[in-house]
C-alpha atoms as a PDB file:
ATOM      1  CA  MET A   1     -23.536 -30.255  10.056  1.00  0.00           C
ATOM      2  CA  GLY A   2     -20.186 -29.139   8.653  1.00  0.00           C
ATOM      3  CA  GLY A   3     -21.678 -25.843   7.417  1.00  0.00           C
ATOM      4  CA  PHE A   4     -23.042 -25.045  10.841  1.00  0.00           C
ATOM      5  CA  ILE A   5     -19.627 -25.548  12.416  1.00  0.00           C
ATOM      6  CA  THR A   6     -18.045 -23.308   9.799  1.00  0.00           C
ATOM      7  CA  VAL A   7     -20.527 -20.494  10.506  1.00  0.00           C
ATOM      8  CA  PHE A   8     -19.978 -20.881  14.218  1.00  0.00           C
ATOM      9  CA  ILE A   9     -16.185 -20.680  13.825  1.00  0.00           C
ATOM     10  CA  LEU A  10     -16.549 -17.649  11.556  1.00  0.00           C
ATOM     11  CA  ILE A  11     -18.678 -15.855  14.155  1.00  0.00           C
ATOM     12  CA  LEU A  12     -16.161 -16.643  16.844  1.00  0.00           C
ATOM     13  CA  PHE A  13     -13.332 -15.361  14.655  1.00  0.00           C
ATOM     14  CA  ILE A  14     -15.170 -12.110  13.914  1.00  0.00           C
ATOM     15  CA  GLY A  15     -15.921 -11.692  17.605  1.00  0.00           C
ATOM     16  CA  TYR A  16     -12.269 -12.306  18.383  1.00  0.00           C
ATOM     17  CA  LEU A  17     -11.263  -9.647  15.883  1.00  0.00           C
ATOM     18  CA  PHE A  18     -13.474  -7.160  17.758  1.00  0.00           C
ATOM     19  CA  THR A  19     -11.156  -7.566  20.728  1.00  0.00           C
ATOM     20  CA  CYS A  20      -8.640  -5.583  18.669  1.00  0.00           C
ATOM     21  CA  LEU A  21     -10.859  -2.522  18.926  1.00  0.00           C
ATOM     22  CA  PHE A  22     -11.402  -0.278  21.925  1.00  0.00           C
ATOM     23  CA  THR A  23     -12.591   3.272  22.603  1.00  0.00           C
ATOM     24  CA  VAL A  24     -11.020   6.131  24.557  1.00  0.00           C
ATOM     25  CA  PRO A  25     -13.498   8.725  25.964  1.00  0.00           C
ATOM     26  CA  GLN A  26     -12.762  12.427  26.065  1.00  0.00           C
ATOM     27  CA  ARG A  27     -10.476  13.524  28.946  1.00  0.00           C
ATOM     28  CA  ARG A  28      -9.394   9.991  29.676  1.00  0.00           C
ATOM     29  CA  GLU A  29      -6.345   7.890  28.887  1.00  0.00           C
ATOM     30  CA  ALA A  30      -6.430   4.118  28.228  1.00  0.00           C
ATOM     31  CA  LEU A  31      -3.742   1.915  29.758  1.00  0.00           C
ATOM     32  CA  ILE A  32      -2.822  -1.127  27.596  1.00  0.00           C
ATOM     33  CA  THR A  33      -1.072  -4.125  29.099  1.00  0.00           C
ATOM     34  CA  PHE A  34       0.652  -7.142  27.536  1.00  0.00           C
ATOM     35  CA  PHE A  35       0.145 -10.137  29.788  1.00  0.00           C
ATOM     36  CA  GLY A  36      -0.063  -7.835  32.813  1.00  0.00           C
ATOM     37  CA  ARG A  37       2.815  -5.532  31.883  1.00  0.00           C
ATOM     38  CA  HIS A  38       2.086  -1.902  30.977  1.00  0.00           C
ATOM     39  CA  VAL A  39       3.237  -1.385  27.416  1.00  0.00           C
ATOM     40  CA  ARG A  40       1.216   1.532  26.079  1.00  0.00           C
ATOM     41  CA  THR A  41      -0.904   4.526  27.026  1.00  0.00           C
ATOM     42  CA  GLU A  42      -3.484   5.682  24.507  1.00  0.00           C
ATOM     43  CA  VAL A  43      -4.159   9.411  24.957  1.00  0.00           C
ATOM     44  CA  ASN A  44      -6.146  10.137  21.768  1.00  0.00           C
ATOM     45  CA  PRO A  45      -9.929   9.838  22.159  1.00  0.00           C
ATOM     46  CA  GLY A  46     -12.062   7.783  19.789  1.00  0.00           C
ATOM     47  CA  LEU A  47     -11.962   4.273  18.318  1.00  0.00           C
ATOM     48  CA  ARG A  48      -8.500   2.745  18.623  1.00  0.00           C
ATOM     49  CA  VAL A  49      -6.801  -0.547  17.656  1.00  0.00           C
ATOM     50  CA  LYS A  50      -4.660  -2.935  19.702  1.00  0.00           C
ATOM     51  CA  TRP A  51      -3.514  -6.489  19.636  1.00  0.00           C
ATOM     52  CA  PRO A  52      -6.389  -8.914  20.295  1.00  0.00           C
ATOM     53  CA  TRP A  53      -7.078 -10.526  23.579  1.00  0.00           C
ATOM     54  CA  PRO A  54      -5.198 -11.938  25.482  1.00  0.00           C
ATOM     55  CA  PHE A  55      -2.126 -10.213  24.081  1.00  0.00           C
ATOM     56  CA  ASN A  56      -3.347  -6.673  24.810  1.00  0.00           C
ATOM     57  CA  ILE A  57      -5.894  -5.745  27.452  1.00  0.00           C
ATOM     58  CA  VAL A  58      -7.307  -2.325  28.361  1.00  0.00           C
ATOM     59  CA  ALA A  59      -6.433  -2.361  32.036  1.00  0.00           C
ATOM     60  CA  ALA A  60      -8.092   0.958  32.912  1.00  0.00           C
ATOM     61  CA  ARG A  61      -9.332   4.249  31.550  1.00  0.00           C
ATOM     62  CA  ILE A  62      -8.001   6.993  33.813  1.00  0.00           C
ATOM     63  CA  PRO A  63      -9.659  10.459  33.896  1.00  0.00           C
ATOM     64  CA  THR A  64      -7.370  13.446  33.266  1.00  0.00           C
ATOM     65  CA  ASP A  65      -9.843  16.266  33.940  1.00  0.00           C
ATOM     66  CA  LEU A  66      -9.724  18.477  37.026  1.00  0.00           C
ATOM     67  CA  ARG A  67     -11.059  16.676  40.094  1.00  0.00           C
ATOM     68  CA  GLN A  68     -11.424  17.460  43.761  1.00  0.00           C
ATOM     69  CA  VAL A  69     -11.484  15.795  47.157  1.00  0.00           C
ATOM     70  CA  ASN A  70     -13.207  17.280  50.222  1.00  0.00           C
ATOM     71  CA  GLU A  71     -11.741  16.773  53.672  1.00  0.00           C
ATOM     72  CA  MET A  72     -12.792  17.878  57.167  1.00  0.00           C
ATOM     73  CA  LEU A  73      -9.738  18.238  59.393  1.00  0.00           C
ATOM     74  CA  ASP A  74      -9.702  18.421  63.174  1.00  0.00           C
ATOM     75  CA  THR A  75      -6.765  20.568  64.189  1.00  0.00           C
ATOM     76  CA  LYS A  76      -5.457  22.471  67.202  1.00  0.00           C
ATOM     77  CA  THR A  77      -4.375  26.102  67.041  1.00  0.00           C
ATOM     78  CA  ILE A  78      -1.507  27.694  68.917  1.00  0.00           C
ATOM     79  CA  ASP A  79      -3.995  29.274  71.354  1.00  0.00           C
ATOM     80  CA  ASP A  80      -5.182  25.768  72.361  1.00  0.00           C
ATOM     81  CA  LEU A  81      -8.465  25.683  70.450  1.00  0.00           C
ATOM     82  CA  PHE A  82      -9.666  22.516  68.723  1.00  0.00           C
ATOM     83  CA  VAL A  83     -11.387  23.451  65.468  1.00  0.00           C
ATOM     84  CA  SER A  84     -12.752  21.721  62.404  1.00  0.00           C
ATOM     85  CA  LEU A  85     -11.220  22.985  59.182  1.00  0.00           C
ATOM     86  CA  PRO A  86     -12.836  22.051  55.854  1.00  0.00           C
ATOM     87  CA  ILE A  87     -10.461  21.882  52.872  1.00  0.00           C
ATOM     88  CA  THR A  88     -10.928  21.066  49.198  1.00  0.00           C
ATOM     89  CA  ILE A  89      -8.056  19.586  47.164  1.00  0.00           C
ATOM     90  CA  GLN A  90      -8.290  20.236  43.430  1.00  0.00           C
ATOM     91  CA  TYR A  91      -5.974  17.987  41.427  1.00  0.00           C
ATOM     92  CA  GLU A  92      -5.347  16.448  38.032  1.00  0.00           C
ATOM     93  CA  ILE A  93      -3.633  13.204  36.996  1.00  0.00           C
ATOM     94  CA  THR A  94      -0.577  13.967  34.898  1.00  0.00           C
ATOM     95  CA  ASP A  95       0.998  10.465  34.669  1.00  0.00           C
ATOM     96  CA  THR A  96      -1.759   7.868  34.399  1.00  0.00           C
ATOM     97  CA  GLY A  97       0.695   4.947  34.316  1.00  0.00           C
ATOM     98  CA  VAL A  98       2.355   5.883  37.588  1.00  0.00           C
ATOM     99  CA  PHE A  99      -1.016   6.753  39.095  1.00  0.00           C
ATOM    100  CA  TYR A 100      -2.554   3.359  38.303  1.00  0.00           C
ATOM    101  CA  PHE A 101       0.305   0.876  38.453  1.00  0.00           C
ATOM    102  CA  ASP A 102       2.876   2.297  40.876  1.00  0.00           C
ATOM    103  CA  THR A 103       0.748   3.512  43.792  1.00  0.00           C
ATOM    104  CA  ASN A 104      -1.885   1.881  45.932  1.00  0.00           C
ATOM    105  CA  GLU A 105      -4.837   4.255  46.445  1.00  0.00           C
ATOM    106  CA  PRO A 106      -2.953   7.402  45.304  1.00  0.00           C
ATOM    107  CA  VAL A 107      -5.847   9.802  45.991  1.00  0.00           C
ATOM    108  CA  LYS A 108      -6.074   8.580  49.550  1.00  0.00           C
ATOM    109  CA  GLN A 109      -2.311   8.928  49.942  1.00  0.00           C
ATOM    110  CA  MET A 110      -2.530  12.462  48.573  1.00  0.00           C
ATOM    111  CA  SER A 111      -5.266  13.374  51.073  1.00  0.00           C
ATOM    112  CA  ILE A 112      -3.217  12.037  53.989  1.00  0.00           C
ATOM    113  CA  ILE A 113      -0.121  14.019  53.000  1.00  0.00           C
ATOM    114  CA  VAL A 114      -2.044  17.247  52.406  1.00  0.00           C
ATOM    115  CA  SER A 115      -3.951  16.913  55.680  1.00  0.00           C
ATOM    116  CA  ALA A 116      -0.740  16.408  57.631  1.00  0.00           C
ATOM    117  CA  SER A 117       0.804  19.493  56.030  1.00  0.00           C
ATOM    118  CA  VAL A 118      -2.290  21.613  56.730  1.00  0.00           C
ATOM    119  CA  ARG A 119      -2.245  20.552  60.390  1.00  0.00           C
ATOM    120  CA  LYS A 120       1.435  21.450  60.611  1.00  0.00           C
ATOM    121  CA  TYR A 121       0.801  25.010  59.440  1.00  0.00           C
ATOM    122  CA  THR A 122      -2.442  25.598  61.338  1.00  0.00           C
ATOM    123  CA  SER A 123      -0.940  24.410  64.622  1.00  0.00           C
ATOM    124  CA  ALA A 124       1.341  27.463  64.500  1.00  0.00           C
ATOM    125  CA  LYS A 125      -1.571  29.865  63.905  1.00  0.00           C
ATOM    126  CA  GLU A 126      -4.073  31.485  66.210  1.00  0.00           C
ATOM    127  CA  PHE A 127      -7.783  30.916  65.672  1.00  0.00           C
ATOM    128  CA  GLN A 128      -8.242  34.378  64.113  1.00  0.00           C
ATOM    129  CA  ASP A 129      -5.349  33.711  61.708  1.00  0.00           C
ATOM    130  CA  LEU A 130      -7.248  30.759  60.236  1.00  0.00           C
ATOM    131  CA  TYR A 131      -9.759  33.300  58.937  1.00  0.00           C
ATOM    132  CA  ASN A 132      -7.313  35.956  57.804  1.00  0.00           C
ATOM    133  CA  GLU A 133      -4.509  33.804  56.324  1.00  0.00           C
ATOM    134  CA  ARG A 134      -6.344  31.054  54.462  1.00  0.00           C
ATOM    135  CA  ASP A 135      -4.709  31.896  51.118  1.00  0.00           C
ATOM    136  CA  GLU A 136      -1.264  31.979  52.747  1.00  0.00           C
ATOM    137  CA  ILE A 137      -1.872  28.565  54.324  1.00  0.00           C
ATOM    138  CA  SER A 138      -3.038  27.134  50.988  1.00  0.00           C
ATOM    139  CA  ASN A 139       0.043  28.398  49.116  1.00  0.00           C
ATOM    140  CA  ALA A 140       2.405  27.160  51.831  1.00  0.00           C
ATOM    141  CA  VAL A 141       0.861  23.666  51.838  1.00  0.00           C
ATOM    142  CA  ILE A 142       1.027  23.391  48.025  1.00  0.00           C
ATOM    143  CA  ALA A 143       4.689  24.390  48.049  1.00  0.00           C
ATOM    144  CA  ASP A 144       5.338  21.836  50.802  1.00  0.00           C
ATOM    145  CA  VAL A 145       3.678  18.760  49.219  1.00  0.00           C
ATOM    146  CA  LYS A 146       3.669  19.448  45.470  1.00  0.00           C
ATOM    147  CA  LYS A 147       6.917  17.637  44.688  1.00  0.00           C
ATOM    148  CA  GLN A 148       6.012  14.622  46.802  1.00  0.00           C
ATOM    149  CA  ILE A 149       2.538  14.300  45.275  1.00  0.00           C
ATOM    150  CA  LEU A 150       3.996  14.416  41.751  1.00  0.00           C
ATOM    151  CA  GLU A 151       5.597  11.048  42.523  1.00  0.00           C
ATOM    152  CA  TYR A 152       2.077   9.594  42.499  1.00  0.00           C
ATOM    153  CA  GLY A 153       1.369  11.024  39.045  1.00  0.00           C
ATOM    154  CA  ILE A 154      -0.829  13.768  40.550  1.00  0.00           C
ATOM    155  CA  ASN A 155      -0.480  17.528  40.198  1.00  0.00           C
ATOM    156  CA  ILE A 156      -2.235  19.647  42.856  1.00  0.00           C
ATOM    157  CA  ARG A 157      -3.768  22.714  41.239  1.00  0.00           C
ATOM    158  CA  ARG A 158      -5.271  24.347  44.277  1.00  0.00           C
ATOM    159  CA  ILE A 159      -6.119  23.791  47.939  1.00  0.00           C
ATOM    160  CA  VAL A 160      -9.161  25.704  49.173  1.00  0.00           C
ATOM    161  CA  VAL A 161      -9.120  26.322  52.937  1.00  0.00           C
ATOM    162  CA  ASP A 162     -12.632  27.161  54.115  1.00  0.00           C
ATOM    163  CA  GLU A 163     -13.744  28.907  57.304  1.00  0.00           C
ATOM    164  CA  PRO A 164     -12.814  27.034  60.489  1.00  0.00           C
ATOM    165  CA  THR A 165     -15.551  25.866  62.832  1.00  0.00           C
ATOM    166  CA  ALA A 166     -15.043  25.829  66.592  1.00  0.00           C
ATOM    167  CA  PRO A 167     -17.309  24.348  69.306  1.00  0.00           C
ATOM    168  CA  ARG A 168     -20.286  26.525  70.216  1.00  0.00           C
ATOM    169  CA  GLU A 169     -18.931  27.560  73.608  1.00  0.00           C
ATOM    170  CA  VAL A 170     -15.626  28.562  72.008  1.00  0.00           C
ATOM    171  CA  GLN A 171     -17.447  30.635  69.403  1.00  0.00           C
ATOM    172  CA  ASP A 172     -19.500  32.392  72.084  1.00  0.00           C
ATOM    173  CA  SER A 173     -16.398  33.137  74.125  1.00  0.00           C
ATOM    174  CA  TYR A 174     -14.550  34.380  71.053  1.00  0.00           C
ATOM    175  CA  ASN A 175     -17.490  36.596  70.080  1.00  0.00           C
ATOM    176  CA  ARG A 176     -17.526  38.114  73.567  1.00  0.00           C
ATOM    177  CA  VAL A 177     -13.826  38.895  73.313  1.00  0.00           C
ATOM    178  CA  ARG A 178     -14.295  40.491  69.903  1.00  0.00           C
ATOM    179  CA  ALA A 179     -17.285  42.477  71.179  1.00  0.00           C
ATOM    180  CA  SER A 180     -15.266  43.778  74.131  1.00  0.00           C
ATOM    181  CA  GLU A 181     -12.474  44.799  71.766  1.00  0.00           C
ATOM    182  CA  ARG A 182     -14.947  46.654  69.574  1.00  0.00           C
ATOM    183  CA  GLU A 183     -16.390  48.398  72.654  1.00  0.00           C
ATOM    184  CA  LYS A 184     -12.863  49.348  73.684  1.00  0.00           C
ATOM    185  CA  ASP A 185     -12.174  50.784  70.240  1.00  0.00           C
ATOM    186  CA  ALA A 186     -15.494  52.649  70.314  1.00  0.00           C
ATOM    187  CA  ALA A 187     -14.650  54.108  73.742  1.00  0.00           C
ATOM    188  CA  GLN A 188     -11.237  55.209  72.511  1.00  0.00           C
ATOM    189  CA  ASN A 189     -12.791  56.809  69.438  1.00  0.00           C
ATOM    190  CA  GLU A 190     -15.403  58.557  71.590  1.00  0.00           C
ATOM    191  CA  ALA A 191     -12.699  59.817  73.957  1.00  0.00           C
ATOM    192  CA  ALA A 192     -10.690  61.133  71.010  1.00  0.00           C
ATOM    193  CA  ALA A 193     -13.794  62.826  69.600  1.00  0.00           C
ATOM    194  CA  ASP A 194     -14.586  64.373  73.005  1.00  0.00           C
ATOM    195  CA  TYR A 195     -11.000  65.600  73.273  1.00  0.00           C
ATOM    196  CA  ILE A 196     -11.264  67.220  69.851  1.00  0.00           C
ATOM    197  CA  ARG A 197     -14.571  68.841  70.804  1.00  0.00           C
ATOM    198  CA  ARG A 198     -13.063  70.211  74.021  1.00  0.00           C
ATOM    199  CA  VAL A 199     -10.007  71.528  72.197  1.00  0.00           C
ATOM    200  CA  LYS A 200     -12.171  73.199  69.568  1.00  0.00           C
ATOM    201  CA  ALA A 201     -14.416  74.671  72.264  1.00  0.00           C
ATOM    202  CA  ALA A 202     -11.370  75.978  74.138  1.00  0.00           C
ATOM    203  CA  GLU A 203     -10.018  77.518  70.940  1.00  0.00           C
ATOM    204  CA  ALA A 204     -13.415  79.097  70.291  1.00  0.00           C
ATOM    205  CA  ASP A 205     -13.524  80.452  73.864  1.00  0.00           C
ATOM    206  CA  LYS A 206     -10.045  81.829  73.401  1.00  0.00           C
ATOM    207  CA  GLU A 207     -11.026  83.621  70.207  1.00  0.00           C
ATOM    208  CA  ARG A 208     -14.232  84.868  71.834  1.00  0.00           C
ATOM    209  CA  ASN A 209     -12.370  86.195  74.876  1.00  0.00           C
ATOM    210  CA  ILE A 210      -9.861  87.920  72.615  1.00  0.00           C
ATOM    211  CA  LEU A 211     -12.690  89.607  70.731  1.00  0.00           C
ATOM    212  CA  ILE A 212     -14.430  90.500  74.003  1.00  0.00           C
ATOM    213  CA  GLY A 213     -11.191  91.927  75.331  1.00  0.00           C
ATOM    214  CA  GLU A 214     -10.683  93.952  72.192  1.00  0.00           C
ATOM    215  CA  GLY A 215     -14.281  95.176  72.456  1.00  0.00           C
ATOM    216  CA  VAL A 216     -13.890  96.119  76.136  1.00  0.00           C
ATOM    217  CA  ALA A 217     -10.623  97.882  75.412  1.00  0.00           C
ATOM    218  CA  GLY A 218     -12.246  99.842  72.609  1.00  0.00           C
ATOM    219  CA  PHE A 219     -15.237 100.660  74.820  1.00  0.00           C
ATOM    220  CA  ARG A 220     -13.022 101.871  77.620  1.00  0.00           C
ATOM    221  CA  GLN A 221     -10.976 103.926  75.180  1.00  0.00           C
ATOM    222  CA  SER A 222     -14.152 105.532  73.880  1.00  0.00           C
ATOM    223  CA  ILE A 223     -15.317 106.310  77.433  1.00  0.00           C
ATOM    224  CA  ALA A 224     -11.938 107.770  78.325  1.00  0.00           C
ATOM    225  CA  GLN A 225     -11.948 109.910  75.210  1.00  0.00           C
ATOM    226  CA  GLY A 226     -15.494 111.049  76.048  1.00  0.00           C
ATOM    227  CA  TYR A 227     -14.512 112.022  79.615  1.00  0.00           C
ATOM    228  CA  ALA A 228     -11.430 113.821  78.324  1.00  0.00           C
ATOM    229  CA  GLU A 229     -13.533 115.753  75.803  1.00  0.00           C
ATOM    230  CA  ILE A 230     -16.033 116.800  78.500  1.00  0.00           C
ATOM    231  CA  ARG A 231     -13.213 117.956  80.792  1.00  0.00           C
ATOM    232  CA  ARG A 232     -11.622 119.983  77.997  1.00  0.00           C
ATOM    233  CA  GLN A 233     -14.970 121.552  77.239  1.00  0.00           C
ATOM    234  CA  LEU A 234     -15.516 122.451  80.930  1.00  0.00           C
ATOM    235  CA  VAL A 235     -12.101 124.065  81.176  1.00  0.00           C
ATOM    236  CA  LYS A 236     -12.742 125.852  77.885  1.00  0.00           C
ATOM    237  CA  ASP A 237     -16.032 127.190  79.280  1.00  0.00           C
ATOM    238  CA  GLY A 238     -14.184 128.774  82.219  1.00  0.00           C
ATOM    239  CA  VAL A 239     -14.585 126.118  84.894  1.00  0.00           C
ATOM    240  CA  ASP A 240     -11.717 125.843  87.309  1.00  0.00           C
ATOM    241  CA  ILE A 241      -9.470 122.821  86.599  1.00  0.00           C
ATOM    242  CA  ILE A 242      -9.728 121.438  90.127  1.00  0.00           C
ATOM    243  CA  VAL A 243     -13.487 121.770  90.120  1.00  0.00           C
ATOM    244  CA  ALA A 244     -13.707 120.180  86.675  1.00  0.00           C
ATOM    245  CA  ASP A 245     -11.605 117.233  87.871  1.00  0.00           C
ATOM    246  CA  ARG A 246     -13.833 116.706  90.907  1.00  0.00           C
ATOM    247  CA  PHE A 247     -16.860 116.874  88.698  1.00  0.00           C
ATOM    248  CA  MET A 248     -15.512 114.279  86.266  1.00  0.00           C
ATOM    249  CA  GLU A 249     -14.502 112.005  89.121  1.00  0.00           C
ATOM    250  CA  GLU A 250     -18.013 112.087  90.533  1.00  0.00           C
ATOM    251  CA  ALA A 251     -19.533 111.524  87.084  1.00  0.00           C
ATOM    252  CA  MET A 252     -17.418 108.403  86.559  1.00  0.00           C
ATOM    253  CA  ARG A 253     -18.415 107.119  90.003  1.00  0.00           C
ATOM    254  CA  LEU A 254     -22.089 107.572  89.241  1.00  0.00           C
ATOM    255  CA  ASP A 255     -21.655 105.823  85.862  1.00  0.00           C
ATOM    256  CA  THR A 256     -20.100 102.874  87.652  1.00  0.00           C
ATOM    257  CA  ILE A 257     -22.986 102.637  90.099  1.00  0.00           C
ATOM    258  CA  ARG A 258     -25.439 102.753  87.208  1.00  0.00           C
ATOM    259  CA  ASP A 259     -23.662  99.907  85.383  1.00  0.00           C
ATOM    260  CA  VAL A 260     -23.719  97.811  88.542  1.00  0.00           C
ATOM    261  CA  GLY A 261     -27.436  98.377  88.878  1.00  0.00           C
ATOM    262  CA  ASP A 262     -27.991  97.268  85.271  1.00  0.00           C
ATOM    263  CA  LYS A 263     -26.032  94.001  85.602  1.00  0.00           C
ATOM    264  CA  GLY A 264     -27.101  92.980  89.129  1.00  0.00           C
ATOM    265  CA  ASN A 265     -25.463  90.335  91.360  1.00  0.00           C
ATOM    266  CA  MET A 266     -22.730  92.831  92.279  1.00  0.00           C
ATOM    267  CA  VAL A 267     -22.024  94.728  95.495  1.00  0.00           C
ATOM    268  CA  ILE A 268     -20.072  97.967  95.920  1.00  0.00           C
ATOM    269  CA  VAL A 269     -18.789  98.962  99.369  1.00  0.00           C
ATOM    270  CA  MET A 270     -18.792 102.740  99.725  1.00  0.00           C
ATOM    271  CA  PRO A 271     -16.849 104.721 102.391  1.00  0.00           C
ATOM    272  CA  GLY A 272     -18.924 106.059 105.252  1.00  0.00           C
ATOM    273  CA  ASN A 273     -18.547 109.751 104.251  1.00  0.00           C
ATOM    274  CA  GLN A 274     -19.250 109.073 100.556  1.00  0.00           C
ATOM    275  CA  ASN A 275     -22.768 110.546 100.708  1.00  0.00           C
ATOM    276  CA  ASP A 276     -21.488 113.881 102.086  1.00  0.00           C
ATOM    277  CA  HIS A 277     -18.819 113.946  99.407  1.00  0.00           C
ATOM    278  CA  ALA A 278     -21.431 113.262  96.727  1.00  0.00           C
ATOM    279  CA  MET A 279     -23.636 116.059  98.075  1.00  0.00           C
ATOM    280  CA  SER A 280     -20.792 118.563  98.038  1.00  0.00           C
ATOM    281  CA  THR A 281     -19.905 117.505  94.518  1.00  0.00           C
ATOM    282  CA  LEU A 282     -23.460 118.023  93.343  1.00  0.00           C
ATOM    283  CA  LEU A 283     -23.490 121.518  94.937  1.00  0.00           C
ATOM    284  CA  THR A 284     -20.247 122.287  93.181  1.00  0.00           C
ATOM    285  CA  ALA A 285     -21.624 121.029  89.908  1.00  0.00           C
ATOM    286  CA  GLN A 286     -24.584 123.436  89.998  1.00  0.00           C
ATOM    287  CA  PRO A 287     -22.566 126.561  89.082  1.00  0.00           C
ATOM    288  CA  ILE A 288     -20.714 124.492  86.471  1.00  0.00           C
ATOM    289  CA  LEU A 289     -23.937 123.533  84.769  1.00  0.00           C
ATOM    290  CA  GLU A 290     -25.148 127.146  84.944  1.00  0.00           C
ATOM    291  CA  LYS A 291     -21.865 128.294  83.399  1.00  0.00           C
ATOM    292  CA  ILE A 292     -22.233 125.753  80.597  1.00  0.00           C
ATOM    293  CA  ASN A 293     -25.807 126.833  79.877  1.00  0.00           C
ATOM    294  CA  GLU A 294     -24.763 130.489  79.865  1.00  0.00           C
ATOM    295  CA  ASN A 295     -22.034 129.821  77.328  1.00  0.00           C
ATOM    296  CA  ARG A 296     -24.459 127.878  75.136  1.00  0.00           C
ATOM    297  CA  GLU A 297     -26.922 130.821  75.155  1.00  0.00           C
ATOM    298  CA  LYS A 298     -24.162 133.223  74.155  1.00  0.00           C
ATOM    299  CA  ALA A 299     -23.188 130.931  71.306  1.00  0.00           C
ATOM    300  CA  LYS A 300     -26.764 130.833  70.074  1.00  0.00           C
ATOM    301  CA  ASN A 301     -27.098 134.667  70.205  1.00  0.00           C
ATOM    302  CA  LYS A 302     -23.900 135.126  68.186  1.00  0.00           C
ATOM    303  CA  ALA A 303     -25.241 132.785  65.595  1.00  0.00           C
END
């Protein structure tokens, strides 16, 4: 009977000695208390030693890796739209003792403070700004709450502000506004393009008219030179100057009538006695043509 008691006491003693041992997992810290008072924080992972129970107790093993909390915030923008804004708070515990012993529900407290700060900044933004300035909002909120959250033993690494979600009717209305703005921009771009096309066409017409004018001027100069050469030749062949001038005048008139007939859609009003004048000119031209032919025959005979 005495041996059995001895073995039993020995087993109890060995079991009691095991209360001096404890383990610390990776990325966790063990908080050791002495009759309820925090006396030690074990940060090294592995098998560790402490005073046996009840002198030392492992009160908690607190994770120190990066963690996150997801929140869905209902907020109002400056343009009076109520939207749902999803955010993700990424944090790490830097002071496990303060986190566990000094604060009641520190993660919840952190979420409340961050949410209030996000609402403060988003209430001064328009709905479109919540899309375009999400990084700016995140940085501003971190700068606003970082010092206060450190008092809970928590360090905020990052706040991810996701895309806001508005009620369906608000989204439809917003999409219509954006579509009308895009149509307005497209109309302005089309008007600018049409203006450029008209300007380019006007410049092209200007260049074309200049070239046409230069061509007409050259054509008229050639005609004038041709008439002058014919007149000189008539005078050289012995035709009277006055008769030669009348002949050239009538020739130019007939050329004009011919050009009008070629182009069409034109009307020339002739004086009433123009036919008699033309007949007399043709009669006058007969001896001129005979004189020209006579001179040509003489030139051929001399050759």
